Amino acid sequence: MADAAIFIGWGQPVRGREMQALQVFNESMAYWGRLQQQGTIESVEAFLIEPHGGDLTGFAILRGDPQKLDALRRTDEFAESTTRAGLIVEHLGVVGAATGQLMAANMQTYAAAVQKLA
């Protein structure tokens, strides 16, 4: 299982652009599936969340090798995909994430920094 991920979160569609939001969501799912088939990412999982009073209505987790994910985020196709999504949904966010051994390494770095400040 991959230790790095890209978290892509989104809010409600812009009013009046709901059909475009569905189209871009389907295009994004196809794009992410293609990235998985090509080996650029290891897996993708998308979620819709129930209403909770916040801005987040759904998110996707793209898991993979940290270097491959970093390179992916710098591609024109990724930039175009996220730009299109940002035009039709509110509160789009794209954030790197760590889990597993990468998270453990990050926590060790954090603990070492805390120790130096103690």
Foldseek 3Di string as FASTA:
>chain_A
DFFKKKKKWFFAWDPPCVVVLVVLVVVVVVVLVVCCVVQLFVDKDKDADDDDPDGTGIMMITGHYPVSVVVVCPDPVVVVSQVSNPVTTPPIDIDMDGHDPVVVVVVVVVVVVVVVVD
